[in-house]
N, C-alpha and C. Protein backbone atom coordinates (compact mmCIF):
# COMPACT_ATOMS: atom_id res chain seq x y z
N MET A 1 -6.36 -11.96 -20.69
CA MET A 1 -4.99 -11.54 -20.53
C MET A 1 -4.73 -11.22 -19.06
N HIS A 2 -3.55 -11.56 -18.58
CA HIS A 2 -3.16 -11.35 -17.19
C HIS A 2 -2.85 -9.87 -16.96
N LYS A 3 -3.51 -9.26 -15.99
CA LYS A 3 -3.28 -7.85 -15.67
C LYS A 3 -2.06 -7.72 -14.77
N GLN A 4 -1.18 -6.78 -15.11
CA GLN A 4 -0.02 -6.55 -14.28
C GLN A 4 -0.43 -5.97 -12.94
N ILE A 5 0.30 -6.34 -11.90
CA ILE A 5 0.00 -5.84 -10.57
C ILE A 5 0.34 -4.36 -10.49
N TYR A 6 1.50 -3.99 -11.00
CA TYR A 6 1.95 -2.61 -10.90
C TYR A 6 2.82 -2.30 -12.11
N VAL A 7 2.62 -1.15 -12.69
CA VAL A 7 3.46 -0.70 -13.80
C VAL A 7 3.89 0.73 -13.50
N HIS A 8 5.09 1.07 -13.91
CA HIS A 8 5.61 2.39 -13.59
C HIS A 8 4.86 3.51 -14.28
N GLU A 9 4.07 3.21 -15.29
CA GLU A 9 3.25 4.24 -15.91
C GLU A 9 2.20 4.76 -14.93
N ASP A 10 1.98 4.01 -13.82
CA ASP A 10 1.05 4.46 -12.79
C ASP A 10 1.58 5.62 -11.98
N ASP A 11 2.85 5.95 -12.14
CA ASP A 11 3.50 6.93 -11.28
C ASP A 11 3.18 8.38 -11.64
N HIS A 12 1.92 8.72 -11.54
CA HIS A 12 1.50 10.10 -11.73
C HIS A 12 1.47 10.75 -10.36
N PRO A 13 2.22 11.82 -10.15
CA PRO A 13 2.31 12.41 -8.82
C PRO A 13 1.05 13.14 -8.37
N ASP A 14 0.08 13.29 -9.26
CA ASP A 14 -1.12 14.06 -8.91
C ASP A 14 -2.31 13.19 -8.49
N LEU A 15 -2.12 11.88 -8.34
CA LEU A 15 -3.23 11.02 -7.92
C LEU A 15 -3.55 11.26 -6.45
N THR A 16 -4.83 11.19 -6.12
CA THR A 16 -5.28 11.29 -4.72
C THR A 16 -6.46 10.35 -4.54
N GLY A 17 -6.91 10.22 -3.33
CA GLY A 17 -8.11 9.45 -3.03
C GLY A 17 -8.02 7.99 -3.44
N ASP A 18 -9.11 7.48 -4.01
CA ASP A 18 -9.21 6.06 -4.36
C ASP A 18 -8.14 5.62 -5.36
N GLU A 19 -7.81 6.48 -6.33
CA GLU A 19 -6.79 6.10 -7.31
C GLU A 19 -5.44 5.91 -6.65
N LEU A 20 -5.09 6.79 -5.73
CA LEU A 20 -3.82 6.66 -5.02
C LEU A 20 -3.84 5.43 -4.11
N ALA A 21 -4.95 5.19 -3.42
CA ALA A 21 -5.07 4.03 -2.54
C ALA A 21 -4.90 2.73 -3.31
N GLU A 22 -5.53 2.64 -4.47
CA GLU A 22 -5.41 1.43 -5.29
C GLU A 22 -3.98 1.22 -5.76
N LYS A 23 -3.32 2.32 -6.14
CA LYS A 23 -1.94 2.22 -6.59
C LYS A 23 -1.03 1.76 -5.45
N VAL A 24 -1.25 2.30 -4.25
CA VAL A 24 -0.44 1.91 -3.09
C VAL A 24 -0.64 0.43 -2.78
N LEU A 25 -1.86 -0.05 -2.79
CA LEU A 25 -2.12 -1.46 -2.51
C LEU A 25 -1.43 -2.36 -3.53
N ARG A 26 -1.52 -2.01 -4.80
CA ARG A 26 -0.83 -2.79 -5.83
C ARG A 26 0.68 -2.78 -5.63
N TYR A 27 1.21 -1.62 -5.25
CA TYR A 27 2.66 -1.52 -5.08
C TYR A 27 3.14 -2.32 -3.87
N ILE A 28 2.38 -2.33 -2.80
CA ILE A 28 2.74 -3.14 -1.63
C ILE A 28 2.81 -4.61 -2.04
N GLN A 29 1.83 -5.06 -2.77
CA GLN A 29 1.81 -6.45 -3.22
C GLN A 29 2.98 -6.74 -4.15
N TYR A 30 3.29 -5.80 -5.04
CA TYR A 30 4.34 -5.98 -6.03
C TYR A 30 5.74 -5.92 -5.40
N SER A 31 6.00 -4.91 -4.60
CA SER A 31 7.37 -4.69 -4.13
C SER A 31 7.71 -5.46 -2.87
N ALA A 32 6.75 -5.62 -1.99
CA ALA A 32 7.03 -6.28 -0.71
C ALA A 32 6.60 -7.74 -0.72
N LEU A 33 5.92 -8.16 -1.78
CA LEU A 33 5.43 -9.54 -1.90
C LEU A 33 4.63 -9.97 -0.67
N ILE A 34 3.79 -9.07 -0.22
CA ILE A 34 2.94 -9.32 0.95
C ILE A 34 1.56 -9.72 0.46
N ASP A 35 0.96 -10.69 1.16
CA ASP A 35 -0.42 -11.05 0.89
C ASP A 35 -1.29 -9.87 1.34
N THR A 36 -1.88 -9.18 0.41
CA THR A 36 -2.65 -7.98 0.72
C THR A 36 -4.13 -8.25 0.96
N SER A 37 -4.52 -9.52 1.06
CA SER A 37 -5.94 -9.83 1.23
C SER A 37 -6.48 -9.31 2.56
N GLY A 38 -5.63 -9.12 3.57
CA GLY A 38 -6.08 -8.61 4.86
C GLY A 38 -5.82 -7.13 5.04
N LEU A 39 -5.36 -6.46 3.99
CA LEU A 39 -5.01 -5.04 4.07
C LEU A 39 -6.10 -4.17 3.48
N SER A 40 -6.21 -3.00 4.05
CA SER A 40 -7.08 -1.97 3.51
C SER A 40 -6.25 -0.69 3.40
N VAL A 41 -6.37 -0.02 2.29
CA VAL A 41 -5.65 1.24 2.08
C VAL A 41 -6.67 2.32 1.77
N MET A 42 -6.57 3.41 2.52
CA MET A 42 -7.44 4.56 2.28
C MET A 42 -6.53 5.76 2.08
N ALA A 43 -6.84 6.60 1.12
CA ALA A 43 -6.06 7.81 0.90
C ALA A 43 -6.95 9.02 1.08
N ILE A 44 -6.47 9.93 1.91
CA ILE A 44 -7.14 11.20 2.12
C ILE A 44 -6.18 12.25 1.58
N GLY A 45 -6.49 12.74 0.40
CA GLY A 45 -5.52 13.61 -0.27
C GLY A 45 -4.29 12.78 -0.61
N ARG A 46 -3.15 13.18 -0.08
CA ARG A 46 -1.91 12.45 -0.32
C ARG A 46 -1.44 11.70 0.92
N THR A 47 -2.30 11.63 1.93
CA THR A 47 -2.02 10.84 3.13
C THR A 47 -2.66 9.48 2.98
N VAL A 48 -1.87 8.42 3.24
CA VAL A 48 -2.34 7.05 3.07
C VAL A 48 -2.46 6.41 4.45
N VAL A 49 -3.59 5.75 4.69
CA VAL A 49 -3.83 5.05 5.94
C VAL A 49 -3.87 3.55 5.64
N LEU A 50 -2.96 2.81 6.26
CA LEU A 50 -2.92 1.35 6.12
C LEU A 50 -3.62 0.75 7.32
N SER A 51 -4.54 -0.19 7.09
CA SER A 51 -5.20 -0.87 8.20
C SER A 51 -5.41 -2.33 7.82
N GLY A 52 -5.71 -3.13 8.83
CA GLY A 52 -5.92 -4.55 8.61
C GLY A 52 -4.83 -5.36 9.25
N TYR A 53 -4.58 -6.54 8.69
CA TYR A 53 -3.67 -7.50 9.30
C TYR A 53 -2.61 -7.98 8.32
N VAL A 54 -1.42 -8.22 8.85
CA VAL A 54 -0.34 -8.88 8.14
C VAL A 54 0.09 -10.08 8.97
N SER A 55 0.93 -10.94 8.40
CA SER A 55 1.24 -12.20 9.09
C SER A 55 2.39 -12.10 10.09
N CYS A 56 3.23 -11.05 10.00
CA CYS A 56 4.35 -10.96 10.95
C CYS A 56 4.81 -9.51 11.09
N GLU A 57 5.65 -9.27 12.11
CA GLU A 57 6.18 -7.93 12.37
C GLU A 57 6.94 -7.36 11.18
N THR A 58 7.69 -8.19 10.50
CA THR A 58 8.48 -7.74 9.36
C THR A 58 7.59 -7.13 8.29
N GLU A 59 6.43 -7.73 8.06
CA GLU A 59 5.52 -7.22 7.03
C GLU A 59 4.95 -5.85 7.40
N LEU A 60 4.86 -5.55 8.70
CA LEU A 60 4.39 -4.23 9.11
C LEU A 60 5.27 -3.14 8.52
N GLY A 61 6.56 -3.28 8.74
CA GLY A 61 7.51 -2.29 8.24
C GLY A 61 7.63 -2.29 6.73
N CYS A 62 7.62 -3.48 6.14
CA CYS A 62 7.74 -3.57 4.68
C CYS A 62 6.56 -2.88 3.99
N ALA A 63 5.37 -3.08 4.51
CA ALA A 63 4.18 -2.46 3.91
C ALA A 63 4.25 -0.94 4.02
N GLU A 64 4.69 -0.46 5.18
CA GLU A 64 4.79 0.98 5.38
C GLU A 64 5.85 1.59 4.46
N GLU A 65 7.00 0.95 4.36
CA GLU A 65 8.07 1.44 3.49
C GLU A 65 7.63 1.46 2.03
N ALA A 66 6.95 0.39 1.61
CA ALA A 66 6.47 0.33 0.23
C ALA A 66 5.47 1.44 -0.04
N ALA A 67 4.54 1.64 0.88
CA ALA A 67 3.54 2.70 0.70
C ALA A 67 4.20 4.07 0.63
N ALA A 68 5.17 4.31 1.49
CA ALA A 68 5.84 5.61 1.53
C ALA A 68 6.65 5.88 0.26
N SER A 69 7.07 4.84 -0.43
CA SER A 69 7.89 5.03 -1.62
C SER A 69 7.08 5.29 -2.89
N VAL A 70 5.77 5.20 -2.81
CA VAL A 70 4.92 5.45 -3.98
C VAL A 70 4.90 6.95 -4.28
N ILE A 71 5.15 7.28 -5.53
CA ILE A 71 5.12 8.68 -5.95
C ILE A 71 3.73 9.26 -5.69
N GLY A 72 3.69 10.39 -5.02
CA GLY A 72 2.43 11.05 -4.70
C GLY A 72 2.02 10.91 -3.25
N VAL A 73 2.60 9.94 -2.54
CA VAL A 73 2.29 9.75 -1.12
C VAL A 73 3.18 10.68 -0.30
N HIS A 74 2.55 11.49 0.55
CA HIS A 74 3.31 12.42 1.38
C HIS A 74 3.41 11.95 2.82
N LEU A 75 2.46 11.15 3.28
CA LEU A 75 2.46 10.67 4.67
C LEU A 75 1.77 9.32 4.74
N VAL A 76 2.31 8.40 5.55
CA VAL A 76 1.70 7.10 5.75
C VAL A 76 1.36 6.94 7.22
N GLU A 77 0.11 6.62 7.49
CA GLU A 77 -0.31 6.30 8.85
C GLU A 77 -0.51 4.78 8.89
N ASN A 78 0.32 4.11 9.65
CA ASN A 78 0.31 2.64 9.67
C ASN A 78 -0.50 2.16 10.87
N ARG A 79 -1.69 1.62 10.60
CA ARG A 79 -2.55 1.05 11.62
C ARG A 79 -2.61 -0.48 11.50
N LEU A 80 -1.66 -1.06 10.78
CA LEU A 80 -1.64 -2.50 10.58
C LEU A 80 -1.35 -3.23 11.89
N GLU A 81 -1.87 -4.43 12.01
CA GLU A 81 -1.62 -5.29 13.16
C GLU A 81 -1.19 -6.66 12.66
N VAL A 82 -0.43 -7.36 13.52
CA VAL A 82 -0.04 -8.72 13.19
C VAL A 82 -1.21 -9.63 13.53
N ARG A 83 -1.58 -10.46 12.57
CA ARG A 83 -2.70 -11.40 12.77
C ARG A 83 -2.33 -12.40 13.84
N PRO A 84 -3.18 -12.55 14.84
CA PRO A 84 -2.91 -13.56 15.87
C PRO A 84 -2.93 -14.98 15.28
N HIS A 85 -2.03 -15.81 15.71
CA HIS A 85 -1.95 -17.18 15.15
C HIS A 85 -2.82 -18.10 15.92
């Protein structure tokens, strides 16, 4: 059976650490339609750190906005870079 990328039942405000990081990564892929294969998400408490590469400047902002909109995320540190062509 095909696993859903993101479901709203995931929206528990008390998630932290790896569970929150996984939820943020799924939500970025779901809402921003960004290829997340070059992204890494780490959560320290309710602070999320995005790192890795995206394909263009637009995706930098989209990934950050998507991460910030996840319930339970209080701060996003965006360390993403645009992949050189």
